[in-house]
Protein backbone atom coordinates (compact mmCIF):
# COMPACT_ATOMS: atom_id res chain seq x y z
CA MET A 1 -11.30 8.96 -7.26
CA GLU A 2 -11.88 11.52 -9.98
CA LYS A 3 -9.83 11.09 -13.12
CA VAL A 4 -8.50 13.93 -15.25
CA ASN A 5 -7.11 13.98 -18.75
CA VAL A 6 -3.43 14.74 -19.25
CA THR A 7 -1.78 15.39 -22.58
CA VAL A 8 1.79 14.27 -23.25
CA ARG A 9 3.84 14.65 -26.40
CA LEU A 10 6.00 11.63 -27.21
CA GLU A 11 8.49 10.71 -29.91
CA GLN A 12 6.99 8.74 -32.82
CA ASP A 13 9.31 5.80 -32.09
CA THR A 14 8.06 5.67 -28.50
CA VAL A 15 4.43 5.63 -29.60
CA LYS A 16 5.15 2.91 -32.16
CA PHE A 17 6.88 0.83 -29.51
CA LEU A 18 3.94 1.30 -27.12
CA ASP A 19 1.53 0.21 -29.84
CA ASP A 20 3.63 -2.84 -30.72
CA LEU A 21 4.01 -3.77 -27.07
CA GLY A 22 0.32 -3.27 -26.50
CA LYS A 23 -0.54 -5.64 -29.33
CA SER A 24 1.71 -8.33 -27.89
CA ARG A 25 0.14 -7.90 -24.43
CA ASP A 26 -3.43 -7.35 -25.67
CA ARG A 27 -3.47 -3.91 -24.05
CA ASP A 28 -3.92 -0.42 -25.43
CA ARG A 29 -1.44 2.43 -25.35
CA SER A 30 -3.21 4.22 -22.49
CA TYR A 31 -3.04 1.13 -20.29
CA LEU A 32 0.72 0.82 -20.83
CA ILE A 33 1.32 4.50 -20.15
CA LYS A 34 -0.73 4.35 -16.92
CA GLU A 35 1.09 1.17 -15.86
CA ALA A 36 4.50 2.77 -16.46
CA LEU A 37 3.54 5.99 -14.70
CA ASN A 38 2.13 4.14 -11.68
CA SER A 39 5.35 2.14 -11.40
CA TYR A 40 7.46 5.31 -11.61
CA ILE A 41 5.35 7.08 -8.99
CA SER A 42 5.40 4.09 -6.63
CA LEU A 43 9.19 3.87 -6.78
CA HIS A 44 9.75 7.57 -6.14
CA LYS A 45 7.07 7.75 -3.45
CA TRP A 46 8.79 4.87 -1.64
CA GLN A 47 12.16 6.65 -1.91
CA LEU A 48 10.78 9.92 -0.57
CA ASP A 49 8.99 8.15 2.29
CA GLU A 50 12.22 6.36 3.27
CA ILE A 51 14.19 9.62 3.16
CA LYS A 52 11.60 11.31 5.39
CA LYS A 53 11.81 8.40 7.87
CA ALA A 54 15.61 8.60 7.91
CA ILE A 55 15.54 12.35 8.50
CA ALA A 56 13.08 11.88 11.39
CA GLU A 57 15.34 9.22 12.92
CA ALA A 58 18.38 11.48 12.56
CA ASP A 59 16.51 14.44 14.05
CA ALA A 60 15.58 12.20 17.00
CA GLY A 61 19.24 11.24 17.45
CA ASP A 62 18.52 7.61 16.53
CA PHE A 63 21.92 6.61 15.16
CA ALA A 64 23.66 3.24 15.03
CA THR A 65 26.45 2.79 17.54
CA GLU A 66 30.01 2.30 16.39
CA GLU A 67 29.77 -1.36 17.44
CA GLU A 68 26.60 -1.87 15.41
CA MET A 69 28.25 -0.33 12.35
CA GLU A 70 31.35 -2.50 12.75
CA ALA A 71 29.17 -5.63 13.03
CA LEU A 72 27.22 -4.63 9.92
CA PHE A 73 30.40 -3.89 7.99
CA LYS A 74 31.86 -7.23 9.06
CA LYS A 75 28.67 -9.06 8.01
CA TRP A 76 28.72 -7.61 4.48
CA THR A 77 32.46 -7.87 3.85
CA GLN A 78 32.96 -11.54 4.74
């Protein structure tokens, strides 16, 4: 996969923290930024994928019955 450079402006305190954290983990600033960004993207990609699945289920009329909802409610409230 081809990589591209991206420029980001950060607060001085953030950069200092990244440098301090990097020293404690024996990693450089770029590694920490990529790690944080990958985590952020993974979380939001998962959320969007789940929303798309739920919309497809709703569009297909795939809803829980009233009995299923009552059983679920009962399970989590006892």
